[in-house]
């Protein structure tokens, strides 16, 4: 369910912004394994070497906002794409 990857992203968000702002990164475990200019590029390149469902692609942007809900789940709101993703918290 990529909980480890999302937790890594959430905990390192500030550092990731400094290094990869406006890029798409691929996270596997607790490591950035790729940096790309588009989501499609990240997806198609990474699926060549990694099994689908084992990595997280995330755009690194200052516009990403974290919200803690009453159900102990985290939601990520990306103001650029107006997308909502829900991930179980650890």
Protein backbone atom coordinates (compact mmCIF):
# COMPACT_ATOMS: atom_id res chain seq x y z
CA UNK A 1 0.00 0.00 0.00
CA UNK A 2 3.09 2.24 -0.17
CA UNK A 3 2.75 3.45 3.41
CA UNK A 4 6.54 3.43 3.88
CA UNK A 5 7.04 5.48 0.73
CA UNK A 6 4.39 8.04 1.60
CA UNK A 7 5.69 8.35 5.15
CA UNK A 8 9.19 8.97 3.76
CA UNK A 9 7.77 11.64 1.43
CA UNK A 10 5.82 13.31 4.23
CA UNK A 11 8.73 13.30 6.70
CA UNK A 12 11.24 14.62 4.14
CA UNK A 13 8.99 17.05 2.28
CA UNK A 14 11.05 20.19 3.06
CA UNK A 15 14.33 18.58 2.03
CA UNK A 16 12.76 17.15 -1.11
CA UNK A 17 11.43 20.58 -2.11
CA UNK A 18 14.93 22.07 -1.79
CA UNK A 19 16.43 19.36 -4.00
CA UNK A 20 13.64 18.41 -6.45
CA UNK A 21 11.16 21.32 -6.64
CA UNK A 22 8.71 20.97 -9.57
CA UNK A 23 10.10 17.52 -10.48
CA UNK A 24 8.45 14.12 -10.25
CA UNK A 25 10.32 11.72 -8.02
CA UNK A 26 10.01 7.97 -7.67
CA UNK A 27 10.26 6.64 -4.12
CA UNK A 28 10.80 2.99 -3.24
CA UNK A 29 11.11 2.14 0.41
CA UNK A 30 12.90 5.08 1.99
CA UNK A 31 14.89 6.06 -1.09
CA UNK A 32 14.45 8.32 -4.12
CA UNK A 33 15.21 6.05 -7.10
CA UNK A 34 14.39 8.45 -9.94
CA UNK A 35 13.81 12.10 -10.84
CA UNK A 36 11.77 13.14 -13.90
CA UNK A 37 10.14 16.13 -15.57
CA UNK A 38 6.73 14.46 -16.02
CA UNK A 39 4.57 11.84 -14.35
CA UNK A 40 4.38 9.82 -17.57
CA UNK A 41 8.16 9.78 -17.93
CA UNK A 42 8.55 8.65 -14.31
CA UNK A 43 5.93 5.92 -14.71
CA UNK A 44 7.09 4.43 -18.00
CA UNK A 45 10.79 4.52 -17.14
CA UNK A 46 10.36 3.08 -13.64
CA UNK A 47 8.03 0.24 -14.65
CA UNK A 48 10.85 -1.09 -16.84
CA UNK A 49 12.83 -2.07 -13.75
CA UNK A 50 10.35 -2.07 -10.84
CA UNK A 51 7.16 -4.04 -10.28
CA UNK A 52 3.97 -1.96 -10.40
CA UNK A 53 2.64 -1.25 -6.92
CA UNK A 54 6.10 -1.20 -5.34
CA UNK A 55 6.96 2.46 -5.89
CA UNK A 56 5.40 5.89 -5.41
CA UNK A 57 5.54 8.72 -7.96
CA UNK A 58 5.09 12.14 -6.43
CA UNK A 59 5.37 15.68 -7.78
CA UNK A 60 7.48 17.78 -5.47
CA UNK A 61 5.79 21.13 -5.01
CA UNK A 62 5.25 23.75 -2.34
CA UNK A 63 1.54 23.56 -3.24
CA UNK A 64 1.12 20.11 -1.69
CA UNK A 65 -0.81 20.46 1.58
CA UNK A 66 -1.18 17.77 4.26
CA UNK A 67 -4.42 17.44 6.21
CA UNK A 68 -4.89 15.14 9.19
CA UNK A 69 -8.48 13.91 9.35
CA UNK A 70 -10.43 12.62 12.35
CA UNK A 71 -10.16 9.05 11.04
CA UNK A 72 -6.35 9.05 11.49
CA UNK A 73 -5.81 9.02 7.77
CA UNK A 74 -3.71 11.56 5.94
CA UNK A 75 -4.92 13.27 2.82
CA UNK A 76 -2.67 15.00 0.34
CA UNK A 77 -4.17 17.85 -1.63
CA UNK A 78 -2.26 18.95 -4.69
CA UNK A 79 -3.45 22.43 -5.61
CA UNK A 80 -1.90 22.16 -9.09
CA UNK A 81 -3.92 19.15 -10.17
CA UNK A 82 -6.79 19.33 -7.66
CA UNK A 83 -6.33 15.67 -6.73
CA UNK A 84 -7.04 13.97 -3.43
CA UNK A 85 -5.22 10.86 -2.30
CA UNK A 86 -5.89 9.00 0.94
CA UNK A 87 -3.21 6.97 2.66
CA UNK A 88 -3.42 5.05 5.93
CA UNK A 89 -1.22 6.59 8.60
CA UNK A 90 1.36 4.46 10.41
